[in-house]
Amino acid sequence: MDIEYFDGPWPHVVIDDFLPDNIFNSLIEAKESINKLSNEYFNPNGQTRYYVSDQLKEKLIDWEDLKNVDESLAVKYEFQKAGIHDILVEYNLFLKEHDNIFRDIYEELTLKGQYVRTNSGIQIQNPGFKYKIHAEDHFKLMSLITFISPENNNGTWLYKSRKQDYDNPTKKIEWKQNRAFIFCGMQDITWHSFSAKQDIPEKRITLGTFFYGT
């Protein structure tokens, strides 16, 4: 992997051509099914999120993103039937095979205690979606986001302050398919946001992995 480290506005890593072709191509091939599930079961103003942990447990986050919470089991089954679960299982194996690389990155970015588990999944936003400037949830020791589809969209925007103008970040991690962005969340430091372009009809699809301590 060609790993690039950056210091500003706070420590982070960018890796291009991150996923092996078999996993990346499988996600692209599943795009139609992902979009269909998103349209059918999830609120258009929220996100579509489906995760599989390294213990192969699956979950939807957050329940309020569903149009009907009572359909959660049916939605999980539909993700399995569409092959999304199998792709994420394969991705988790890829993460384990390269765990030494991620631990080296983690140690370079932070002095926190070591992570012990991961949760990985697809994250989909409709055109025009905007997520607020935030530092990152305190229980996520490290976050890894890979840009999947479409060819053009907004990446991740980095800020020096939460009070900074949303549309004028300090740095933009530009969108490029199969580009990974990694950072360790730090309170009042790692301010960032993400959004989906309004003028692009396709949904914004990323693959996210979160590393936890317990």
Foldseek 3Di string as FASTA:
>chain_A
DDWDWDCPPHTKIKDALADDPVLLVVCVVLQVLVVVLCVPWFDQQDKWKWKAKLVRDIATPDCNRTPDSVCRVVSVVSCVVSVQSVSRNVVSVVCVVCVVVVVVVLVVFDDDDDFDIKMKIKMKHFAPHKDAWDQDDPQFQKKKKFWRDDQAWFAKAWAQFSPDDQVDGPDGPGDHHGMMMMHGGDPGGGIMIDHTHNPDRGITMMMMMTTGRD
